[in-house]
Amino acid sequence: MLEEDIYNTMQEMQVIRWQDATQPQESTLRKHMQQEGLSPYSWSNGPGDTYAVHSHTYEKVLYCVRGSIRFVMPDSGDSVDLTPGDCLILPAHTPHSAVVGSRGVTCMEAAR
């Protein structure tokens, strides 16, 4: 399951790494998020797709379901690579961009 292996940056971004030997199922992650009172939705992008720097007015809770994605926080210079099961908790108003990995990505996210 999820290990309490949490890394903090100046913006209090949190990354929780998946520790099980088997990759998580989308339904398992959805149920976990719903049990936390969140309303998750899924999205996918193809290899190499990018998101320009932007921010959100809410805290973003995001799980990588399949593939991989790199999030970059230009204000701090931090970046984080997510693979299946990894969770990113991004505080509201944190500028970030993203680059999808070579096999595309499916993520599940919710506002908190």
Protein backbone atom coordinates (compact mmCIF):
# COMPACT_ATOMS: atom_id res chain seq x y z
CA MET A 1 0.00 0.00 0.00
CA LEU A 2 1.12 3.59 0.59
CA GLU A 3 4.21 4.14 2.69
CA GLU A 4 4.48 7.15 4.95
CA ASP A 5 7.43 8.20 2.83
CA ILE A 6 6.48 11.83 2.49
CA TYR A 7 8.80 14.51 1.15
CA ASN A 8 8.12 18.18 1.89
CA THR A 9 9.27 21.14 -0.14
CA MET A 10 9.16 24.80 0.73
CA GLN A 11 5.55 24.81 -0.55
CA GLU A 12 4.62 21.74 1.51
CA MET A 13 4.09 19.60 -1.56
CA GLN A 14 3.78 15.95 -0.50
CA VAL A 15 4.67 12.82 -2.44
CA ILE A 16 3.53 9.44 -1.17
CA ARG A 17 5.20 6.54 -2.97
CA TRP A 18 3.42 3.28 -3.80
CA GLN A 19 5.22 0.41 -2.05
CA ASP A 20 3.35 -2.76 -3.08
CA ALA A 21 5.03 -5.08 -5.56
CA THR A 22 1.89 -5.11 -7.71
CA GLN A 23 0.58 -2.02 -9.46
CA PRO A 24 -2.65 -0.56 -8.09
CA GLN A 25 -5.97 -0.91 -9.85
CA GLU A 26 -7.81 2.27 -10.79
CA SER A 27 -10.86 1.06 -8.86
CA THR A 28 -8.77 0.60 -5.71
CA LEU A 29 -7.38 4.13 -5.91
CA ARG A 30 -10.84 5.58 -6.63
CA LYS A 31 -12.31 3.80 -3.60
CA HIS A 32 -9.44 5.03 -1.40
CA MET A 33 -10.02 8.64 -2.51
CA GLN A 34 -13.78 8.36 -2.02
CA GLN A 35 -13.24 7.00 1.51
CA GLU A 36 -11.26 10.20 2.18
CA GLY A 37 -14.32 12.22 1.15
CA LEU A 38 -12.93 13.18 -2.27
CA SER A 39 -14.71 13.14 -5.64
CA PRO A 40 -12.06 11.81 -8.04
CA TYR A 41 -12.04 11.88 -11.81
CA SER A 42 -9.62 10.32 -14.30
CA TRP A 43 -7.80 11.80 -17.27
CA SER A 44 -5.19 10.55 -19.74
CA ASN A 45 -2.57 12.05 -22.04
CA GLY A 46 -0.26 10.69 -24.71
CA PRO A 47 3.52 10.40 -24.58
CA GLY A 48 5.37 13.70 -24.34
CA ASP A 49 2.25 15.83 -23.83
CA THR A 50 2.92 18.92 -21.72
CA TYR A 51 1.04 21.31 -19.46
CA ALA A 52 2.31 24.88 -19.24
CA VAL A 53 2.89 26.48 -15.85
CA HIS A 54 -0.41 27.06 -14.05
CA SER A 55 -1.91 26.83 -10.56
CA HIS A 56 -5.23 25.94 -8.95
CA THR A 57 -7.36 27.64 -6.29
CA TYR A 58 -7.71 24.30 -4.47
CA GLU A 59 -5.42 21.65 -3.02
CA LYS A 60 -4.87 18.98 -5.70
CA VAL A 61 -4.71 15.30 -4.70
CA LEU A 62 -3.47 13.27 -7.67
CA TYR A 63 -2.62 9.59 -8.17
CA CYS A 64 -0.73 8.21 -11.15
CA VAL A 65 -2.74 5.17 -12.30
CA ARG A 66 -0.76 4.09 -15.42
CA GLY A 67 2.34 5.34 -17.20
CA SER A 68 4.33 8.23 -15.76
CA ILE A 69 4.35 12.01 -15.42
CA ARG A 70 6.82 14.62 -14.17
CA PHE A 71 5.58 17.67 -12.28
CA VAL A 72 7.86 20.71 -12.10
CA MET A 73 7.49 23.54 -9.57
CA PRO A 74 9.35 26.45 -11.17
CA ASP A 75 9.29 28.69 -8.08
CA SER A 76 11.31 26.20 -6.02
CA GLY A 77 13.06 24.36 -8.85
CA ASP A 78 11.68 21.06 -7.52
CA SER A 79 10.43 18.28 -9.77
CA VAL A 80 8.83 14.94 -9.02
CA ASP A 81 8.32 11.88 -11.20
CA LEU A 82 5.18 9.85 -10.53
CA THR A 83 4.65 6.22 -11.50
CA PRO A 84 1.63 3.96 -10.86
CA GLY A 85 0.25 4.32 -7.33
CA ASP A 86 2.29 7.40 -6.43
CA CYS A 87 0.31 10.29 -4.94
CA LEU A 88 1.04 14.01 -5.25
CA ILE A 89 -0.63 16.46 -2.86
CA LEU A 90 -0.16 19.95 -4.23
CA PRO A 91 -1.17 22.98 -2.15
CA ALA A 92 -3.51 25.57 -3.63
CA HIS A 93 -1.87 28.34 -5.65
CA THR A 94 1.34 26.35 -6.27
CA PRO A 95 2.64 27.06 -9.79
CA HIS A 96 3.48 23.84 -11.62
CA SER A 97 3.91 22.38 -15.09
CA ALA A 98 3.91 18.77 -16.23
CA VAL A 99 5.44 16.49 -18.87
CA VAL A 100 3.94 13.08 -19.66
CA GLY A 101 6.31 10.11 -19.82
CA SER A 102 7.20 8.02 -22.87
CA ARG A 103 4.26 5.58 -22.45
CA GLY A 104 1.56 8.17 -21.75
CA VAL A 105 -0.26 8.56 -18.45
CA THR A 106 -3.59 8.06 -16.75
CA CYS A 107 -4.12 9.98 -13.53
CA MET A 108 -6.93 10.27 -11.03
CA GLU A 109 -7.33 13.53 -9.16
CA ALA A 110 -9.64 15.48 -6.90
CA ALA A 111 -9.87 18.88 -5.28
CA ARG A 112 -9.62 19.09 -1.53
